[in-house]
């Protein structure tokens, strides 16, 4: 008997993630900027025009395995996302809310 294959998320590179992304949120102008500057907790990140306190707390990001991890200034994980297609990442916030990036 052959074991069923489990689909895996495409690998994610830091280089591909760096830049500005539109975040699906309560404000259509919500953006997250993922810089390639080393920062406490990974690489520097900032949000603009996002109403969510959780999103506003993001200060760093990094790639761990097949996930993009967003963290706050205390190093606590705020969100985790995975590739959901070309230029799209979906995941969840630490509080359980869905999060999605596109560009």
N, C-alpha and C. Protein backbone atom coordinates (compact mmCIF):
# COMPACT_ATOMS: atom_id res chain seq x y z
N UNK A 1 0.85 -1.18 0.00
CA UNK A 1 0.00 0.00 0.00
C UNK A 1 0.89 1.24 0.00
N UNK A 2 0.56 2.20 -0.82
CA UNK A 2 1.33 3.43 -0.94
C UNK A 2 0.71 4.49 -0.03
N UNK A 3 1.56 5.15 0.75
CA UNK A 3 1.06 6.22 1.62
C UNK A 3 0.60 7.39 0.78
N UNK A 4 -0.49 8.05 1.16
CA UNK A 4 -0.95 9.21 0.39
C UNK A 4 0.07 10.35 0.52
N UNK A 5 0.18 11.09 -0.55
CA UNK A 5 1.09 12.22 -0.52
C UNK A 5 0.39 13.41 0.13
N UNK A 6 1.14 14.14 0.90
CA UNK A 6 0.61 15.31 1.59
C UNK A 6 1.14 16.53 0.86
N UNK A 7 0.27 17.43 0.41
CA UNK A 7 0.76 18.61 -0.27
C UNK A 7 1.58 19.47 0.70
N UNK A 8 2.64 20.02 0.18
CA UNK A 8 3.47 20.90 1.00
C UNK A 8 3.44 22.30 0.41
N UNK A 9 3.58 23.26 1.28
CA UNK A 9 3.61 24.65 0.83
C UNK A 9 4.92 24.89 0.09
N UNK A 10 4.90 25.74 -0.95
CA UNK A 10 6.14 26.06 -1.64
C UNK A 10 7.12 26.71 -0.67
N UNK A 11 8.42 26.49 -0.90
CA UNK A 11 9.39 27.11 -0.02
C UNK A 11 9.35 28.63 -0.19
N UNK A 12 9.68 29.31 0.88
CA UNK A 12 9.62 30.77 0.92
C UNK A 12 11.03 31.29 1.16
N UNK A 13 11.42 32.31 0.41
CA UNK A 13 12.73 32.92 0.64
C UNK A 13 12.55 34.31 1.24
N UNK A 14 13.52 34.73 2.02
CA UNK A 14 13.47 36.08 2.59
C UNK A 14 13.48 37.12 1.47
N UNK A 15 14.26 36.86 0.45
CA UNK A 15 14.36 37.81 -0.67
C UNK A 15 13.01 38.02 -1.35
N UNK A 16 12.25 36.95 -1.50
CA UNK A 16 10.93 37.05 -2.14
C UNK A 16 9.92 37.77 -1.26
N UNK A 17 10.10 37.71 0.05
CA UNK A 17 9.15 38.32 0.97
C UNK A 17 9.40 39.81 1.18
N UNK A 18 10.64 40.25 1.05
CA UNK A 18 10.97 41.65 1.32
C UNK A 18 10.17 42.58 0.41
N UNK A 19 9.73 43.70 0.98
CA UNK A 19 8.97 44.69 0.22
C UNK A 19 7.65 45.01 0.89
N UNK A 20 6.79 45.68 0.16
CA UNK A 20 5.50 46.12 0.68
C UNK A 20 4.39 45.17 0.23
N UNK A 21 3.52 44.84 1.17
CA UNK A 21 2.39 43.94 0.94
C UNK A 21 1.10 44.61 1.38
N UNK A 22 0.01 44.33 0.68
CA UNK A 22 -1.31 44.77 1.09
C UNK A 22 -1.87 43.71 2.04
N UNK A 23 -2.38 44.17 3.17
CA UNK A 23 -2.92 43.25 4.18
C UNK A 23 -4.44 43.35 4.14
N UNK A 24 -5.11 42.21 4.02
CA UNK A 24 -6.57 42.18 4.09
C UNK A 24 -6.95 42.48 5.54
N UNK A 25 -7.60 43.60 5.76
CA UNK A 25 -7.99 44.00 7.11
C UNK A 25 -9.20 44.90 7.02
N UNK A 26 -9.50 45.59 8.13
CA UNK A 26 -10.66 46.49 8.13
C UNK A 26 -10.36 47.82 7.45
N UNK A 27 -9.16 47.99 6.93
CA UNK A 27 -8.80 49.19 6.17
C UNK A 27 -8.18 48.75 4.86
N UNK A 28 -8.77 49.09 3.71
CA UNK A 28 -8.21 48.65 2.43
C UNK A 28 -6.83 49.23 2.13
N UNK A 29 -6.40 50.24 2.88
CA UNK A 29 -5.07 50.82 2.68
C UNK A 29 -4.03 50.25 3.64
N UNK A 30 -4.36 49.20 4.38
CA UNK A 30 -3.43 48.59 5.33
C UNK A 30 -2.29 47.93 4.56
N UNK A 31 -1.06 48.27 4.94
CA UNK A 31 0.14 47.74 4.31
C UNK A 31 1.11 47.27 5.38
N UNK A 32 1.92 46.27 5.03
CA UNK A 32 3.04 45.87 5.88
C UNK A 32 4.29 45.94 5.03
N UNK A 33 5.34 46.50 5.60
CA UNK A 33 6.62 46.64 4.92
C UNK A 33 7.59 45.68 5.59
N UNK A 34 8.10 44.74 4.82
CA UNK A 34 9.06 43.77 5.32
C UNK A 34 10.43 44.16 4.77
N UNK A 35 11.27 44.73 5.63
CA UNK A 35 12.59 45.19 5.22
C UNK A 35 13.60 44.06 5.36
N UNK A 36 14.74 44.23 4.71
CA UNK A 36 15.79 43.23 4.75
C UNK A 36 16.91 43.69 5.68
N UNK A 37 16.53 44.47 6.70
CA UNK A 37 17.46 44.99 7.70
C UNK A 37 17.37 44.10 8.94
N UNK A 38 18.51 43.56 9.40
CA UNK A 38 18.51 42.73 10.60
C UNK A 38 17.91 43.52 11.76
N UNK A 39 17.08 42.86 12.55
CA UNK A 39 16.38 43.50 13.65
C UNK A 39 16.18 42.48 14.74
N UNK A 40 15.93 42.94 15.93
CA UNK A 40 15.64 42.05 17.04
C UNK A 40 14.44 41.16 16.68
N UNK A 41 14.63 39.87 16.65
CA UNK A 41 13.55 38.96 16.30
C UNK A 41 13.57 38.56 14.84
N UNK A 42 14.53 39.03 14.07
CA UNK A 42 14.61 38.67 12.65
C UNK A 42 15.00 39.85 11.79
N UNK A 43 14.04 40.33 11.01
CA UNK A 43 14.25 41.47 10.12
C UNK A 43 13.18 42.52 10.41
N UNK A 44 13.49 43.75 10.15
CA UNK A 44 12.60 44.86 10.49
C UNK A 44 11.29 44.80 9.70
N UNK A 45 10.19 45.09 10.40
CA UNK A 45 8.86 45.14 9.77
C UNK A 45 8.10 46.33 10.35
N UNK A 46 7.21 46.89 9.54
CA UNK A 46 6.36 47.99 10.00
C UNK A 46 5.03 47.92 9.26
N UNK A 47 3.99 48.38 9.93
CA UNK A 47 2.67 48.45 9.29
C UNK A 47 2.29 49.91 9.10
N UNK A 48 1.46 50.16 8.12
CA UNK A 48 0.95 51.50 7.83
C UNK A 48 -0.55 51.42 7.60
N UNK A 49 -1.29 52.33 8.22
CA UNK A 49 -2.73 52.47 8.04
C UNK A 49 -3.52 51.19 8.37
N UNK A 50 -3.02 50.41 9.33
CA UNK A 50 -3.73 49.22 9.78
C UNK A 50 -4.40 49.55 11.11
N UNK A 51 -5.67 49.22 11.24
CA UNK A 51 -6.43 49.56 12.45
C UNK A 51 -6.25 48.54 13.58
N UNK A 52 -5.84 47.34 13.26
CA UNK A 52 -5.70 46.27 14.25
C UNK A 52 -4.52 46.53 15.19
N UNK A 53 -4.77 46.43 16.50
CA UNK A 53 -3.69 46.57 17.48
C UNK A 53 -2.66 45.47 17.29
N UNK A 54 -3.13 44.25 16.97
CA UNK A 54 -2.19 43.14 16.75
C UNK A 54 -1.24 43.47 15.62
N UNK A 55 -1.78 43.92 14.49
CA UNK A 55 -0.92 44.28 13.36
C UNK A 55 0.00 45.43 13.72
N UNK A 56 -0.50 46.40 14.45
CA UNK A 56 0.29 47.55 14.84
C UNK A 56 1.46 47.20 15.73
N UNK A 57 1.41 46.04 16.38
CA UNK A 57 2.49 45.64 17.28
C UNK A 57 3.65 44.95 16.55
N UNK A 58 3.49 44.65 15.27
CA UNK A 58 4.53 43.94 14.52
C UNK A 58 5.76 44.83 14.34
N UNK A 59 6.92 44.31 14.73
CA UNK A 59 8.19 45.04 14.56
C UNK A 59 9.22 44.24 13.79
N UNK A 60 9.00 42.93 13.64
CA UNK A 60 9.98 42.09 12.96
C UNK A 60 9.30 40.92 12.25
N UNK A 61 10.05 40.33 11.33
CA UNK A 61 9.56 39.17 10.58
C UNK A 61 10.74 38.26 10.28
N UNK A 62 10.44 37.01 9.93
CA UNK A 62 11.46 36.08 9.46
C UNK A 62 10.77 34.91 8.78
N UNK A 63 11.54 34.14 8.04
CA UNK A 63 11.05 32.93 7.41
C UNK A 63 11.55 31.76 8.24
N UNK A 64 10.64 30.89 8.63
CA UNK A 64 10.99 29.69 9.38
C UNK A 64 10.32 28.51 8.69
N UNK A 65 11.12 27.70 8.02
CA UNK A 65 10.58 26.58 7.26
C UNK A 65 9.74 27.09 6.11
N UNK A 66 8.49 26.68 6.08
CA UNK A 66 7.56 27.09 5.01
C UNK A 66 6.62 28.20 5.47
N UNK A 67 6.99 28.92 6.54
CA UNK A 67 6.13 29.96 7.08
C UNK A 67 6.85 31.30 7.20
N UNK A 68 6.06 32.35 7.09
CA UNK A 68 6.53 33.70 7.40
C UNK A 68 5.99 34.01 8.78
N UNK A 69 6.87 34.39 9.70
CA UNK A 69 6.50 34.66 11.08
C UNK A 69 6.62 36.15 11.35
N UNK A 70 5.59 36.76 11.93
CA UNK A 70 5.61 38.15 12.35
C UNK A 70 5.69 38.18 13.86
N UNK A 71 6.57 39.04 14.41
CA UNK A 71 6.72 39.13 15.86
C UNK A 71 6.65 40.57 16.34
N UNK A 72 6.38 40.73 17.64
CA UNK A 72 6.32 42.07 18.23
C UNK A 72 7.65 42.40 18.89
N UNK A 73 7.73 43.55 19.54
CA UNK A 73 8.99 44.02 20.13
C UNK A 73 9.46 43.15 21.29
N UNK A 74 8.58 42.32 21.84
CA UNK A 74 8.96 41.40 22.92
C UNK A 74 9.42 40.05 22.38
N UNK A 75 9.37 39.89 21.04
CA UNK A 75 9.73 38.61 20.43
C UNK A 75 8.60 37.61 20.40
N UNK A 76 7.40 38.03 20.81
CA UNK A 76 6.24 37.14 20.78
C UNK A 76 5.67 37.06 19.37
N UNK A 77 5.28 35.86 18.96
CA UNK A 77 4.71 35.68 17.63
C UNK A 77 3.34 36.35 17.54
N UNK A 78 3.18 37.18 16.51
CA UNK A 78 1.92 37.88 16.28
C UNK A 78 1.10 37.16 15.21
N UNK A 79 1.80 36.59 14.20
CA UNK A 79 1.10 35.90 13.11
C UNK A 79 2.04 34.93 12.43
N UNK A 80 1.45 33.97 11.75
CA UNK A 80 2.19 33.01 10.93
C UNK A 80 1.43 32.86 9.62
N UNK A 81 2.16 32.93 8.50
CA UNK A 81 1.54 32.83 7.18
C UNK A 81 2.28 31.82 6.32
N UNK A 82 1.60 31.26 5.33
CA UNK A 82 2.18 30.31 4.39
C UNK A 82 1.79 30.74 2.98
N UNK A 83 2.54 30.27 2.00
CA UNK A 83 2.26 30.62 0.61
C UNK A 83 0.94 29.99 0.18
N UNK A 84 0.07 30.82 -0.39
CA UNK A 84 -1.23 30.35 -0.86
C UNK A 84 -1.35 30.56 -2.37
N UNK A 85 -0.24 30.79 -3.04
CA UNK A 85 -0.23 31.02 -4.47
C UNK A 85 0.74 32.14 -4.79
N UNK A 86 0.87 32.45 -6.07
CA UNK A 86 1.79 33.52 -6.45
C UNK A 86 1.40 34.85 -5.79
N UNK A 87 2.34 35.44 -5.08
CA UNK A 87 2.14 36.75 -4.46
C UNK A 87 0.96 36.80 -3.50
N UNK A 88 0.68 35.66 -2.82
CA UNK A 88 -0.38 35.60 -1.82
C UNK A 88 0.06 34.71 -0.66
N UNK A 89 -0.14 35.21 0.55
CA UNK A 89 0.19 34.47 1.77
C UNK A 89 -1.00 34.56 2.71
N UNK A 90 -1.41 33.42 3.26
CA UNK A 90 -2.53 33.34 4.18
C UNK A 90 -2.05 32.74 5.50
N UNK A 91 -2.73 33.08 6.57
CA UNK A 91 -2.38 32.51 7.86
C UNK A 91 -3.31 32.99 8.94
N UNK A 92 -2.78 32.99 10.17
CA UNK A 92 -3.61 33.43 11.29
C UNK A 92 -2.78 34.25 12.27
N UNK A 93 -3.48 35.14 12.94
CA UNK A 93 -2.90 35.97 13.98
C UNK A 93 -2.87 35.14 15.27
N UNK A 94 -2.05 35.55 16.23
CA UNK A 94 -1.97 34.84 17.50
C UNK A 94 -3.33 34.78 18.19
N UNK A 95 -4.15 35.82 18.01
CA UNK A 95 -5.47 35.86 18.61
C UNK A 95 -6.51 35.02 17.87
N UNK A 96 -6.12 34.40 16.75
CA UNK A 96 -7.02 33.52 16.00
C UNK A 96 -7.62 34.12 14.74
N UNK A 97 -7.52 35.43 14.55
CA UNK A 97 -8.07 36.06 13.35
C UNK A 97 -7.26 35.66 12.12
N UNK A 98 -7.93 35.59 10.98
CA UNK A 98 -7.25 35.29 9.71
C UNK A 98 -6.45 36.51 9.26
N UNK A 99 -5.36 36.25 8.53
CA UNK A 99 -4.55 37.31 7.96
C UNK A 99 -4.14 36.87 6.56
N UNK A 100 -4.05 37.83 5.64
CA UNK A 100 -3.68 37.54 4.27
C UNK A 100 -2.88 38.71 3.71
N UNK A 101 -1.77 38.39 2.99
CA UNK A 101 -0.97 39.39 2.29
C UNK A 101 -1.09 39.15 0.80
N UNK A 102 -1.13 40.22 0.03
CA UNK A 102 -1.06 40.10 -1.44
C UNK A 102 -0.23 41.26 -1.97
N UNK A 103 0.24 41.09 -3.20
CA UNK A 103 0.84 42.21 -3.91
C UNK A 103 0.74 42.02 -5.39
